[in-house]
């Protein structure tokens, strides 16, 4: 097969794996590993070492650098709150205890030489955001668990990489009788250079972005170039210090005030998904099936050590009684321990040099690493969500509703949503409307929904719905575009702006920007406010077997009504304009919120 065809096929397989994982609600790494093994050692269609030659591992290193930088860009220190001490202990004394336990277990289980067992323990200490992220998305634990594990997974990657390099330097020093002073010097050199270069690069790039010295459409490519050059310079000066440098650079940017990061995050997110997919395909394709089968039992024993000894002790050392975490939250945090891309990318590099030094059992280093990765990922993928439910720390259906506008209709919607135990948050820059909403006891945000202040101060934790109810149609459109990446297209709803004629030029030009219209094609903000002022009101009704949807429609058809929302269990469903009548059919047990005409008003109209 031609090189071009193989590369194109890899991208297609990566995209297909991610799509299937989304459809089947599985971590993509499982499918990527299976497909990589199939096209590599099973079918022999892909031989990464022949395809890329000496460029393979430099390309892998750059890809890992981009992945870590993208993950660190999401680490806002303010989200940690009182949990900062937990994370610090997890990546320090927790990681140290994990390493020592795994080193001893590896020596006892596999019979590796002590130096190789210690190195293997250092390699598989790391978890990583590439595997923690999908597991957390599928399991949906509460915010405290999610924040702690996400921070720990991103910070432990460069720390684990530094630890592995330090141990390997010690192995080389021991093999060559050069002493441990060389390894200690190397470690502090990596630490000083990584921190210094990362902070400096983060500050410099942040200043350029904050001062608008770089146009918006170039933010992504400039940031990518900065990651590459910082990583390359750091590694050229001190071996393996690049991962620490790019991680520190990302954290600095994430916590620097008034730095626009949206374009970088959007660009890096898609690129990271592609790189992660390609990396797992290539690394899995390099495996030897016979060696993997031989070490599978060793891997299972190490998995048991990780799950029932190393990880619980790590969490026990990290938490104390001052932390705002229950024993249930600690138990689930201790259970989630998948290993990821840094271990997979680092193991082949060390294994090649161990084999060159003729260490006994060095040929099993890589297969054993992948056996541990596969088993820990399988365990985390299929057991975390049920365990979170058993421990009652799983996040339920989102209860937050972000509402653009604080006009009387929006406030009436918010008050009724509160009756359903939802948490509405109204945003408006009209102080008089915000003051009225606050007097009614509603949660508000004074300012523009698309401002930098909203990006910094508006918490979207637990918010799952977006309703644009402002009287300003342009604001509804811009805000819906801004928050669609946050909530997803299916959770973003806006009022009609009145351009309901299908062939109007205005509708044709803006069609690709429009969201889902609420309630009815002619249900504009002005129309809804006019109905409120003429005596219409919001009414909530629960359906039953005796009083179903048809009976409800017949009763309120006499006075006039507009159905707004349906509550089914814990989930909120708005009635949408343009949908067929059977698209959202209320059932017994559902609750309906409608805008209902006043009986007196209807009688007057009938008399006239």
Protein backbone atom coordinates (compact mmCIF):
# COMPACT_ATOMS: atom_id res chain seq x y z
CA UNK A 1 0.00 0.00 0.00
CA UNK A 2 1.18 3.51 -0.76
CA UNK A 3 2.22 5.76 2.10
CA UNK A 4 -0.43 8.32 1.13
CA UNK A 5 -3.19 5.70 1.21
CA UNK A 6 -2.05 4.41 4.60
CA UNK A 7 -2.02 7.91 6.11
CA UNK A 8 -5.48 8.66 4.71
CA UNK A 9 -6.78 5.34 6.04
CA UNK A 10 -5.38 6.10 9.50
CA UNK A 11 -7.28 9.39 9.66
CA UNK A 12 -10.50 7.70 8.54
CA UNK A 13 -10.06 4.92 11.11
CA UNK A 14 -9.37 7.51 13.81
CA UNK A 15 -12.54 9.43 12.94
CA UNK A 16 -14.61 6.23 12.71
CA UNK A 17 -13.35 5.04 16.10
CA UNK A 18 -14.26 8.32 17.76
CA UNK A 19 -17.71 8.31 16.15
CA UNK A 20 -18.44 4.71 17.15
CA UNK A 21 -17.25 5.42 20.68
CA UNK A 22 -19.68 8.34 20.80
CA UNK A 23 -22.56 6.22 19.50
CA UNK A 24 -21.83 3.30 21.83
CA UNK A 25 -20.91 5.53 24.79
CA UNK A 26 -17.48 3.93 25.22
CA UNK A 27 -14.05 5.49 25.70
CA UNK A 28 -12.51 5.80 22.24
CA UNK A 29 -9.20 4.37 23.47
CA UNK A 30 -10.74 0.87 23.61
CA UNK A 31 -11.75 0.90 19.96
CA UNK A 32 -8.48 2.54 18.94
CA UNK A 33 -6.42 -0.15 20.66
CA UNK A 34 -8.52 -2.94 19.13
CA UNK A 35 -8.31 -1.48 15.63
CA UNK A 36 -4.59 -0.77 16.03
CA UNK A 37 -3.92 -4.39 17.02
CA UNK A 38 -6.05 -5.65 14.10
CA UNK A 39 -4.34 -3.59 11.41
CA UNK A 40 -0.91 -4.10 12.97
CA UNK A 41 0.13 -7.47 14.38
CA UNK A 42 -3.03 -9.37 13.31
CA UNK A 43 -3.41 -8.38 9.64
CA UNK A 44 0.01 -6.87 9.07
CA UNK A 45 -1.40 -3.87 7.18
CA UNK A 46 0.50 -1.28 9.22
CA UNK A 47 4.13 -1.28 10.34
CA UNK A 48 4.72 2.12 11.99
CA UNK A 49 8.50 1.72 12.26
CA UNK A 50 8.83 1.10 8.52
CA UNK A 51 6.30 3.79 7.63
CA UNK A 52 7.81 6.62 9.66
CA UNK A 53 11.33 5.39 10.30
CA UNK A 54 13.37 7.61 12.65
CA UNK A 55 10.60 10.25 12.65
CA UNK A 56 8.17 8.05 14.57
CA UNK A 57 9.16 8.84 18.15
CA UNK A 58 9.91 12.56 17.61
CA UNK A 59 6.42 12.87 16.07
CA UNK A 60 4.91 11.00 19.02
CA UNK A 61 6.69 13.32 21.47
CA UNK A 62 5.38 16.44 19.71
CA UNK A 63 1.87 15.01 19.67
CA UNK A 64 1.99 14.28 23.41
CA UNK A 65 3.20 17.86 23.99
CA UNK A 66 0.18 19.27 22.12
CA UNK A 67 -2.19 17.00 24.07
CA UNK A 68 -0.79 18.10 27.43
CA UNK A 69 -0.88 21.77 26.44
CA UNK A 70 -4.52 21.52 25.36
CA UNK A 71 -5.44 19.81 28.62
CA UNK A 72 -3.60 22.32 30.77
CA UNK A 73 -5.42 25.23 29.07
CA UNK A 74 -8.58 24.13 30.89
CA UNK A 75 -7.00 24.18 34.36
CA UNK A 76 -8.47 27.26 36.04
CA UNK A 77 -7.10 27.45 39.58
CA UNK A 78 -10.30 29.11 40.80
CA UNK A 79 -12.24 25.91 40.07
CA UNK A 80 -10.20 23.99 42.62
CA UNK A 81 -11.17 26.03 45.67
CA UNK A 82 -10.29 24.10 48.82
CA UNK A 83 -9.34 21.03 46.77
CA UNK A 84 -5.93 22.44 45.81
CA UNK A 85 -4.24 20.71 48.74
CA UNK A 86 -5.67 17.38 47.61
CA UNK A 87 -4.25 17.71 44.12
CA UNK A 88 -0.83 18.79 45.42
CA UNK A 89 -0.61 15.75 47.67
CA UNK A 90 -1.86 13.42 44.96
CA UNK A 91 0.90 14.46 42.53
CA UNK A 92 3.59 14.45 45.22
CA UNK A 93 3.40 11.97 48.10
CA UNK A 94 0.57 10.13 46.36
CA UNK A 95 2.58 9.63 43.18
CA UNK A 96 5.66 8.66 45.21
CA UNK A 97 3.76 5.97 47.14
CA UNK A 98 2.19 4.73 43.90
CA UNK A 99 5.60 4.42 42.28
CA UNK A 100 7.18 2.52 45.17
CA UNK A 101 4.26 0.08 45.47
CA UNK A 102 4.21 -0.61 41.74
CA UNK A 103 7.98 -1.05 41.62
CA UNK A 104 7.90 -3.65 44.39
CA UNK A 105 4.87 -5.37 42.87
CA UNK A 106 6.51 -5.49 39.43
CA UNK A 107 9.65 -7.03 40.90
CA UNK A 108 7.65 -9.62 42.84
CA UNK A 109 5.21 -10.51 40.03
CA UNK A 110 7.47 -10.47 36.96
CA UNK A 111 10.93 -11.13 38.33
CA UNK A 112 12.34 -8.11 36.48
CA UNK A 113 15.71 -6.83 37.74
CA UNK A 114 15.24 -4.22 40.46
CA UNK A 115 16.38 -1.35 38.25
CA UNK A 116 13.95 -2.30 35.47
CA UNK A 117 11.09 -2.88 37.95
CA UNK A 118 11.66 0.58 39.45
CA UNK A 119 11.63 2.10 35.96
CA UNK A 120 8.45 0.24 35.03
CA UNK A 121 6.76 1.51 38.20
CA UNK A 122 7.69 5.07 37.24
CA UNK A 123 6.32 4.65 33.70
CA UNK A 124 2.87 3.40 34.78
CA UNK A 125 2.39 5.92 37.59
CA UNK A 126 0.72 8.36 35.19
CA UNK A 127 -2.97 8.36 34.32
CA UNK A 128 -3.44 11.24 31.89
CA UNK A 129 -6.35 13.33 30.57
CA UNK A 130 -6.66 11.23 27.40
CA UNK A 131 -8.22 8.42 29.42
CA UNK A 132 -9.55 10.24 32.50
CA UNK A 133 -11.55 12.71 30.38
CA UNK A 134 -13.69 10.12 28.52
CA UNK A 135 -14.24 8.12 31.72
CA UNK A 136 -15.45 11.22 33.58
CA UNK A 137 -17.73 12.20 30.70
CA UNK A 138 -19.31 8.75 30.70
CA UNK A 139 -19.52 8.35 34.50
CA UNK A 140 -20.52 11.97 35.26
CA UNK A 141 -19.37 12.12 38.91
CA UNK A 142 -19.98 15.30 40.87
CA UNK A 143 -17.92 18.44 40.39
CA UNK A 144 -15.47 17.87 43.25
CA UNK A 145 -14.45 14.42 42.01
CA UNK A 146 -14.24 15.64 38.43
CA UNK A 147 -12.07 18.67 39.25
CA UNK A 148 -9.66 16.69 41.44
CA UNK A 149 -9.16 13.85 38.96
CA UNK A 150 -8.88 16.12 35.93
CA UNK A 151 -6.26 18.34 37.57
CA UNK A 152 -4.34 15.35 38.88
CA UNK A 153 -4.39 13.57 35.51
CA UNK A 154 -2.95 16.57 33.66
CA UNK A 155 -0.33 17.48 36.26
CA UNK A 156 0.82 13.90 36.81
CA UNK A 157 1.75 13.44 33.14
CA UNK A 158 4.80 15.76 33.10
CA UNK A 159 5.67 14.80 36.69
CA UNK A 160 5.51 11.12 35.78
CA UNK A 161 7.57 11.75 32.67
CA UNK A 162 10.21 13.54 34.76
CA UNK A 163 10.20 10.70 37.29
CA UNK A 164 10.67 8.11 34.54
CA UNK A 165 13.54 10.09 33.00
CA UNK A 166 15.20 10.46 36.41
CA UNK A 167 14.92 6.73 37.10
CA UNK A 168 16.20 5.88 33.63
CA UNK A 169 19.13 8.21 34.12
CA UNK A 170 19.82 6.35 37.35
CA UNK A 171 19.67 3.03 35.46
CA UNK A 172 22.15 4.33 32.90
CA UNK A 173 24.37 5.68 35.66
CA UNK A 174 24.27 2.35 37.48
CA UNK A 175 24.99 0.44 34.29
CA UNK A 176 27.91 2.70 33.40
CA UNK A 177 29.16 3.16 36.98
CA UNK A 178 28.96 6.97 36.67
CA UNK A 179 27.15 7.48 40.00
CA UNK A 180 23.78 8.93 40.91
CA UNK A 181 24.94 12.55 41.01
CA UNK A 182 24.40 12.73 37.23
CA UNK A 183 20.77 11.67 37.64
CA UNK A 184 20.12 14.17 40.45
CA UNK A 185 21.67 17.00 38.42
CA UNK A 186 19.56 16.05 35.42
CA UNK A 187 16.36 16.09 37.47
CA UNK A 188 16.90 19.59 38.88
CA UNK A 189 17.97 20.87 35.47
CA UNK A 190 14.72 19.58 33.97
CA UNK A 191 12.69 21.11 36.79
CA UNK A 192 14.29 24.56 36.63
CA UNK A 193 14.30 24.79 32.83
CA UNK A 194 10.75 23.44 32.45
CA UNK A 195 9.27 25.83 35.00
CA UNK A 196 11.26 28.85 33.81
CA UNK A 197 10.72 28.36 30.09
CA UNK A 198 7.04 27.44 30.56
CA UNK A 199 6.27 30.53 32.66
CA UNK A 200 8.17 32.82 30.32
CA UNK A 201 6.55 31.43 27.17
CA UNK A 202 3.09 31.50 28.76
CA UNK A 203 3.49 35.12 29.84
CA UNK A 204 4.85 36.21 26.45
CA UNK A 205 2.11 34.50 24.45
CA UNK A 206 -0.52 35.77 26.89
CA UNK A 207 0.64 39.37 26.45
CA UNK A 208 0.48 39.05 22.67
CA UNK A 209 -3.04 37.66 22.83
CA UNK A 210 -4.24 40.18 25.42
CA UNK A 211 -2.89 43.14 23.44
CA UNK A 212 -4.55 41.83 20.24
CA UNK A 213 -1.19 41.68 18.50
CA UNK A 214 -2.31 38.46 16.80
CA UNK A 215 -5.54 38.32 14.76
CA UNK A 216 -8.19 35.91 15.98
CA UNK A 217 -7.92 33.51 13.06
CA UNK A 218 -4.19 32.99 13.77
CA UNK A 219 -4.51 32.27 17.50
CA UNK A 220 -4.60 28.50 17.04
CA UNK A 221 -1.69 28.20 14.64
CA UNK A 222 0.50 30.62 16.62
CA UNK A 223 -0.19 28.70 19.84
CA UNK A 224 0.64 25.43 18.08
CA UNK A 225 3.92 26.88 16.83
CA UNK A 226 4.70 28.12 20.35
CA UNK A 227 4.10 24.65 21.78
CA UNK A 228 6.40 23.06 19.20
CA UNK A 229 9.23 25.53 19.65
CA UNK A 230 9.05 25.58 23.47
CA UNK A 231 9.01 21.78 23.57
CA UNK A 232 11.90 21.49 21.10
CA UNK A 233 14.06 24.12 22.83
CA UNK A 234 13.48 22.61 26.28
CA UNK A 235 14.30 19.09 25.10
CA UNK A 236 17.37 20.32 23.25
CA UNK A 237 18.74 22.01 26.35
CA UNK A 238 17.76 19.36 28.91
CA UNK A 239 16.47 15.99 27.78
CA UNK A 240 12.73 15.35 28.46
CA UNK A 241 12.04 18.76 30.04
CA UNK A 242 9.69 19.74 27.21
CA UNK A 243 6.56 18.14 28.65
CA UNK A 244 6.88 20.13 31.86
CA UNK A 245 7.51 23.36 29.92
CA UNK A 246 4.41 23.10 27.69
CA UNK A 247 2.20 22.07 30.62
CA UNK A 248 3.32 25.06 32.68
CA UNK A 249 2.81 27.32 29.65
CA UNK A 250 -0.77 26.10 29.29
CA UNK A 251 -1.58 26.54 32.99
CA UNK A 252 -0.12 30.07 32.92
CA UNK A 253 -2.32 31.01 29.94
CA UNK A 254 -5.40 29.43 31.54
CA UNK A 255 -5.02 31.61 34.66
CA UNK A 256 -3.82 34.86 33.06
CA UNK A 257 -6.51 37.55 33.13
CA UNK A 258 -8.15 38.97 30.00
CA UNK A 259 -6.49 36.51 27.62
CA UNK A 260 -8.81 35.34 24.81
CA UNK A 261 -8.43 31.56 24.63
CA UNK A 262 -11.56 30.51 22.74
CA UNK A 263 -9.92 30.21 19.31
CA UNK A 264 -6.96 28.29 20.74
CA UNK A 265 -9.21 25.90 22.64
CA UNK A 266 -11.44 25.24 19.64
CA UNK A 267 -8.45 24.59 17.39
CA UNK A 268 -6.53 22.50 19.92
CA UNK A 269 -9.53 20.41 20.94
CA UNK A 270 -10.06 19.03 17.43
CA UNK A 271 -6.33 18.62 16.88
CA UNK A 272 -5.89 16.78 20.18
CA UNK A 273 -8.66 14.32 19.35
CA UNK A 274 -6.97 13.53 16.03
CA UNK A 275 -3.51 13.20 17.59
CA UNK A 276 -4.72 10.98 20.43
CA UNK A 277 -6.48 8.71 17.94
CA UNK A 278 -3.47 8.41 15.66
CA UNK A 279 -1.09 7.80 18.56
CA UNK A 280 -3.06 4.90 19.97
CA UNK A 281 -3.49 3.37 16.52
CA UNK A 282 0.25 3.56 15.81
CA UNK A 283 1.40 2.38 19.22
CA UNK A 284 -1.05 -0.52 19.28
CA UNK A 285 0.07 -1.53 15.80
CA UNK A 286 3.64 -1.97 17.10
CA UNK A 287 2.63 -4.61 19.65
CA UNK A 288 3.62 -8.27 19.41
CA UNK A 289 0.60 -10.46 20.13
CA UNK A 290 2.60 -13.39 21.45
CA UNK A 291 4.42 -11.20 23.95
CA UNK A 292 1.14 -9.51 24.95
CA UNK A 293 -0.48 -12.91 25.61
CA UNK A 294 2.51 -14.03 27.69
CA UNK A 295 2.33 -11.04 30.02
CA UNK A 296 -1.46 -10.80 30.31
CA UNK A 297 -1.54 -12.62 33.66
CA UNK A 298 1.22 -10.37 35.01
CA UNK A 299 -0.78 -7.37 33.82
CA UNK A 300 -3.89 -8.62 35.60
CA UNK A 301 -2.00 -8.99 38.88
CA UNK A 302 -0.56 -5.49 38.51
CA UNK A 303 -4.06 -4.20 37.75
CA UNK A 304 -5.26 -5.68 41.06
CA UNK A 305 -2.37 -4.01 42.88
CA UNK A 306 -3.23 -0.66 41.28
CA UNK A 307 -6.94 -0.86 42.05
CA UNK A 308 -6.87 -2.31 45.55
CA UNK A 309 -3.52 -1.21 47.01
CA UNK A 310 -1.71 1.60 45.21
CA UNK A 311 -4.63 3.87 44.31
CA UNK A 312 -6.49 3.61 47.66
CA UNK A 313 -3.25 4.35 49.56
CA UNK A 314 -2.61 7.30 47.25
CA UNK A 315 -6.01 8.77 48.07
CA UNK A 316 -5.60 7.99 51.77
CA UNK A 317 -2.36 10.00 51.84
CA UNK A 318 -3.86 12.82 49.78
CA UNK A 319 -7.01 13.46 51.82
CA UNK A 320 -7.43 14.48 55.44
CA UNK A 321 -10.34 15.46 57.65
CA UNK A 322 -10.15 19.11 56.66
CA UNK A 323 -11.17 18.40 53.08
CA UNK A 324 -14.71 18.96 51.91
CA UNK A 325 -15.04 15.44 50.52
CA UNK A 326 -17.14 12.59 51.82
CA UNK A 327 -15.92 9.01 52.09
CA UNK A 328 -18.09 8.17 49.07
CA UNK A 329 -16.29 10.75 46.94
CA UNK A 330 -12.92 9.49 48.16
CA UNK A 331 -13.89 5.90 47.36
CA UNK A 332 -14.82 6.69 43.75
CA UNK A 333 -11.70 8.82 43.29
CA UNK A 334 -9.62 5.90 44.48
CA UNK A 335 -11.26 3.55 42.00
CA UNK A 336 -10.66 5.59 38.81
CA UNK A 337 -7.08 4.76 37.80
CA UNK A 338 -6.69 4.22 34.03
CA UNK A 339 -3.25 4.57 32.46
CA UNK A 340 -2.81 6.60 29.28
CA UNK A 341 -0.80 7.99 26.43
CA UNK A 342 2.36 9.11 28.27
CA UNK A 343 2.94 5.57 29.54
CA UNK A 344 2.20 4.15 26.08
CA UNK A 345 4.52 6.63 24.35
CA UNK A 346 7.38 6.39 26.86
CA UNK A 347 7.55 2.60 27.26
CA UNK A 348 8.86 1.84 23.73
CA UNK A 349 11.66 4.39 24.10
CA UNK A 350 12.92 2.92 27.36
CA UNK A 351 12.39 -0.67 26.21
CA UNK A 352 14.58 -0.19 23.14
CA UNK A 353 17.48 1.06 25.27
CA UNK A 354 16.96 -1.65 27.90
CA UNK A 355 17.12 -4.28 25.18
CA UNK A 356 20.30 -2.67 23.85
CA UNK A 357 21.77 -3.02 27.36
CA UNK A 358 20.60 -6.67 27.36
CA UNK A 359 18.43 -6.47 30.43
CA UNK A 360 16.66 -9.81 31.00
CA UNK A 361 12.94 -9.53 30.23
CA UNK A 362 13.28 -6.17 28.45
CA UNK A 363 11.24 -7.51 25.51
CA UNK A 364 8.22 -7.71 27.85
CA UNK A 365 8.43 -4.06 28.95
CA UNK A 366 6.16 -2.67 26.22
CA UNK A 367 3.58 -5.52 26.12
CA UNK A 368 3.24 -5.38 29.90
CA UNK A 369 2.71 -1.62 29.76
CA UNK A 370 -0.09 -2.03 27.23
CA UNK A 371 -1.62 -4.91 29.19
CA UNK A 372 -1.88 -2.62 32.23
CA UNK A 373 -3.29 0.20 30.09
CA UNK A 374 -5.94 -2.04 28.51
CA UNK A 375 -7.04 -3.61 31.81
CA UNK A 376 -7.21 -0.33 33.75
CA UNK A 377 -9.10 1.42 30.94
CA UNK A 378 -11.57 -1.47 30.62
CA UNK A 379 -12.16 -1.44 34.37
CA UNK A 380 -12.65 2.33 34.56
CA UNK A 381 -14.89 2.39 31.49
CA UNK A 382 -17.37 -0.27 32.52
CA UNK A 383 -17.45 0.01 36.31
CA UNK A 384 -17.15 3.71 37.16
CA UNK A 385 -20.68 4.78 36.24
CA UNK A 386 -22.41 1.93 38.13
CA UNK A 387 -20.14 2.50 41.13
CA UNK A 388 -20.86 6.24 41.07
CA UNK A 389 -24.57 5.46 41.20
CA UNK A 390 -24.14 2.95 44.03
CA UNK A 391 -22.10 5.48 46.02
CA UNK A 392 -24.62 8.22 45.12
CA UNK A 393 -21.95 10.60 43.84
CA UNK A 394 -23.03 10.56 40.19
CA UNK A 395 -24.20 13.84 38.75
CA UNK A 396 -27.87 13.62 37.83
CA UNK A 397 -29.61 15.33 34.97
CA UNK A 398 -28.44 18.97 34.65
CA UNK A 399 -30.67 21.30 36.66
CA UNK A 400 -29.22 24.65 35.62
CA UNK A 401 -30.93 26.81 32.97
CA UNK A 402 -29.12 29.82 31.50
CA UNK A 403 -31.69 32.44 30.42
CA UNK A 404 -30.75 35.42 28.26
CA UNK A 405 -32.97 38.34 29.20
CA UNK A 406 -34.65 39.39 32.45
CA UNK A 407 -37.94 40.73 31.06
CA UNK A 408 -41.25 39.81 32.76
CA UNK A 409 -41.77 36.73 30.57
CA UNK A 410 -38.26 35.44 31.28
CA UNK A 411 -38.79 36.02 35.01
CA UNK A 412 -42.11 34.16 34.90
CA UNK A 413 -40.41 31.22 33.16
CA UNK A 414 -37.64 31.27 35.79
CA UNK A 415 -40.10 31.26 38.70
CA UNK A 416 -41.95 28.26 37.28
CA UNK A 417 -38.71 26.41 36.58
CA UNK A 418 -37.83 26.88 40.24
CA UNK A 419 -41.04 25.06 41.14
CA UNK A 420 -39.64 22.13 39.15
CA UNK A 421 -36.41 22.32 41.21
CA UNK A 422 -34.37 23.78 38.36
CA UNK A 423 -31.78 26.51 38.87
CA UNK A 424 -32.45 29.37 36.44
CA UNK A 425 -29.79 32.06 35.95
CA UNK A 426 -30.92 35.25 34.20
CA UNK A 427 -28.43 37.42 32.30
CA UNK A 428 -29.14 41.00 31.24
CA UNK A 429 -27.37 44.34 31.10
CA UNK A 430 -30.56 46.28 31.94
CA UNK A 431 -30.08 47.15 35.60
CA UNK A 432 -33.77 47.80 36.25
CA UNK A 433 -34.77 44.35 35.01
CA UNK A 434 -31.93 42.67 36.90
CA UNK A 435 -32.94 44.52 40.07
CA UNK A 436 -36.54 43.34 39.68
CA UNK A 437 -35.37 39.75 39.16
CA UNK A 438 -33.19 39.94 42.27
CA UNK A 439 -36.13 41.29 44.29
CA UNK A 440 -38.03 38.17 43.24
CA UNK A 441 -35.21 36.03 44.63
CA UNK A 442 -33.88 34.89 41.25
CA UNK A 443 -30.21 34.24 40.50
CA UNK A 444 -28.88 36.84 38.08
CA UNK A 445 -25.80 38.04 36.25
CA UNK A 446 -25.59 41.74 35.41
CA UNK A 447 -23.77 42.25 32.12
CA UNK A 448 -23.57 41.06 28.55
CA UNK A 449 -23.74 37.29 28.00
CA UNK A 450 -20.90 37.50 25.46
CA UNK A 451 -18.53 39.66 27.49
CA UNK A 452 -15.17 38.68 28.95
CA UNK A 453 -16.67 39.30 32.39
CA UNK A 454 -19.24 36.56 31.68
CA UNK A 455 -16.46 34.21 30.55
CA UNK A 456 -14.54 34.81 33.78
CA UNK A 457 -17.30 35.02 36.37
CA UNK A 458 -20.27 33.05 35.07
CA UNK A 459 -20.20 29.49 36.38
CA UNK A 460 -21.78 26.94 34.02
CA UNK A 461 -21.23 23.98 36.33
CA UNK A 462 -24.44 21.94 36.35
CA UNK A 463 -26.09 24.12 33.68
CA UNK A 464 -27.53 22.03 30.87
CA UNK A 465 -30.04 24.26 29.07
CA UNK A 466 -29.80 27.60 27.25
CA UNK A 467 -32.88 29.77 26.61
CA UNK A 468 -32.58 33.03 24.66
CA UNK A 469 -35.65 35.01 25.77
CA UNK A 470 -34.40 38.57 25.30
CA UNK A 471 -36.39 41.20 23.40
CA UNK A 472 -33.19 41.94 21.44
CA UNK A 473 -33.18 39.43 18.57
CA UNK A 474 -29.57 40.15 17.64
CA UNK A 475 -28.49 39.45 21.22
CA UNK A 476 -30.38 36.16 21.21
CA UNK A 477 -28.63 35.10 18.02
CA UNK A 478 -25.12 36.14 19.11
CA UNK A 479 -25.50 34.60 22.56
CA UNK A 480 -26.82 31.34 21.12
CA UNK A 481 -23.82 31.15 18.80
CA UNK A 482 -21.49 31.86 21.70
CA UNK A 483 -22.90 29.15 23.97
CA UNK A 484 -23.60 26.42 21.43
CA UNK A 485 -20.07 24.94 21.89
CA UNK A 486 -20.69 24.88 25.67
CA UNK A 487 -24.10 23.18 25.66
CA UNK A 488 -24.34 21.50 22.27
CA UNK A 489 -26.83 22.35 19.54
CA UNK A 490 -29.63 20.23 21.05
CA UNK A 491 -29.67 22.19 24.32
CA UNK A 492 -29.67 25.72 22.84
CA UNK A 493 -33.09 27.31 22.23
CA UNK A 494 -34.11 30.80 21.19
CA UNK A 495 -37.30 32.74 20.56
CA UNK A 496 -38.41 33.42 17.03
CA UNK A 497 -37.46 36.80 15.62
CA UNK A 498 -40.52 36.98 13.40
CA UNK A 499 -38.79 36.06 10.12
CA UNK A 500 -40.97 33.00 9.66
CA UNK A 501 -41.43 33.35 5.89
CA UNK A 502 -39.46 30.46 4.43
CA UNK A 503 -38.28 32.30 1.32
CA UNK A 504 -37.31 35.61 2.84
CA UNK A 505 -33.77 36.78 2.05
CA UNK A 506 -33.16 37.44 5.74
CA UNK A 507 -34.02 33.84 6.60
CA UNK A 508 -31.94 32.37 3.76
CA UNK A 509 -28.84 34.38 4.69
CA UNK A 510 -28.97 33.57 8.40
CA UNK A 511 -30.35 30.01 8.24
CA UNK A 512 -27.05 28.37 9.05
CA UNK A 513 -26.77 30.46 12.22
CA UNK A 514 -30.25 29.83 13.56
CA UNK A 515 -30.95 27.69 16.58
CA UNK A 516 -34.07 25.80 17.60
CA UNK A 517 -37.08 28.13 17.84
CA UNK A 518 -39.13 27.97 21.02
CA UNK A 519 -42.87 27.42 21.30
CA UNK A 520 -44.24 28.65 17.93
CA UNK A 521 -43.05 30.44 14.75
CA UNK A 522 -44.81 33.66 15.77
CA UNK A 523 -43.92 33.42 19.48
CA UNK A 524 -41.62 36.44 19.51
CA UNK A 525 -40.64 38.18 22.73
CA UNK A 526 -42.97 41.08 21.91
CA UNK A 527 -45.90 38.74 21.31
CA UNK A 528 -45.32 36.82 24.55
CA UNK A 529 -44.95 40.00 26.62
CA UNK A 530 -48.13 41.40 25.06
CA UNK A 531 -50.01 38.26 26.08
CA UNK A 532 -48.75 38.58 29.66
CA UNK A 533 -49.82 42.22 29.84
CA UNK A 534 -53.29 41.31 28.55
CA UNK A 535 -53.90 38.84 31.38
CA UNK A 536 -52.36 35.55 30.20
CA UNK A 537 -50.42 33.65 32.86
CA UNK A 538 -48.16 30.62 33.23
CA UNK A 539 -49.77 27.46 34.56
CA UNK A 540 -48.27 24.05 35.45
CA UNK A 541 -50.45 20.95 35.11
CA UNK A 542 -49.64 17.30 35.79
CA UNK A 543 -51.10 14.75 33.41
CA UNK A 544 -52.61 11.46 34.56
CA UNK A 545 -54.33 8.43 33.07
CA UNK A 546 -57.70 10.13 33.58
CA UNK A 547 -56.56 13.58 32.43
CA UNK A 548 -54.19 13.02 29.53
CA UNK A 549 -52.83 15.19 26.76
CA UNK A 550 -56.03 15.18 24.68
CA UNK A 551 -58.16 16.17 27.68
CA UNK A 552 -55.65 18.88 28.53
CA UNK A 553 -55.81 20.35 25.03
CA UNK A 554 -59.60 20.24 24.95
CA UNK A 555 -59.90 22.02 28.32
CA UNK A 556 -57.47 24.84 27.60
CA UNK A 557 -58.48 25.21 23.96
CA UNK A 558 -61.62 26.88 25.27
CA UNK A 559 -59.59 29.76 26.72
CA UNK A 560 -56.49 29.63 24.53
CA UNK A 561 -53.08 28.31 25.51
CA UNK A 562 -49.49 28.01 24.29
CA UNK A 563 -47.54 24.97 25.58
CA UNK A 564 -44.03 25.95 26.68
CA UNK A 565 -42.22 23.11 28.49
CA UNK A 566 -42.70 19.47 29.38
CA UNK A 567 -41.10 17.92 32.47
CA UNK A 568 -40.55 14.15 32.27
CA UNK A 569 -38.73 12.74 35.25
CA UNK A 570 -35.65 14.91 35.73
CA UNK A 571 -35.50 16.14 32.13
CA UNK A 572 -36.86 19.34 30.64
CA UNK A 573 -38.21 19.39 27.08
CA UNK A 574 -39.29 22.67 25.45
CA UNK A 575 -42.03 22.68 22.84
CA UNK A 576 -40.44 23.80 19.59
CA UNK A 577 -41.77 25.66 16.56
CA UNK A 578 -42.07 23.68 13.36
CA UNK A 579 -42.03 20.21 14.94
CA UNK A 580 -44.76 17.70 14.10
CA UNK A 581 -47.43 17.24 16.76
CA UNK A 582 -46.24 13.73 17.56
CA UNK A 583 -42.60 14.79 17.97
CA UNK A 584 -43.16 15.51 21.68
CA UNK A 585 -46.19 13.62 22.95
CA UNK A 586 -46.91 14.19 26.65
CA UNK A 587 -47.72 11.09 28.69
CA UNK A 588 -49.29 10.32 32.03
CA UNK A 589 -46.99 11.54 34.80
CA UNK A 590 -45.55 14.38 32.71
CA UNK A 591 -45.98 17.99 33.78
CA UNK A 592 -46.86 20.73 31.30
CA UNK A 593 -46.03 24.43 31.63
CA UNK A 594 -48.23 26.56 29.39
CA UNK A 595 -49.09 30.20 28.81
CA UNK A 596 -52.84 30.25 29.37
CA UNK A 597 -55.33 33.01 28.55
CA UNK A 598 -57.42 34.48 31.32
CA UNK A 599 -60.99 33.09 31.41
CA UNK A 600 -62.49 36.55 31.80
CA UNK A 601 -60.66 37.86 28.77
CA UNK A 602 -61.89 34.98 26.64
CA UNK A 603 -65.50 35.53 27.71
CA UNK A 604 -65.26 39.22 26.74
CA UNK A 605 -63.92 38.28 23.31
CA UNK A 606 -66.78 35.78 22.83
CA UNK A 607 -69.39 38.42 23.76
CA UNK A 608 -67.92 40.88 21.28
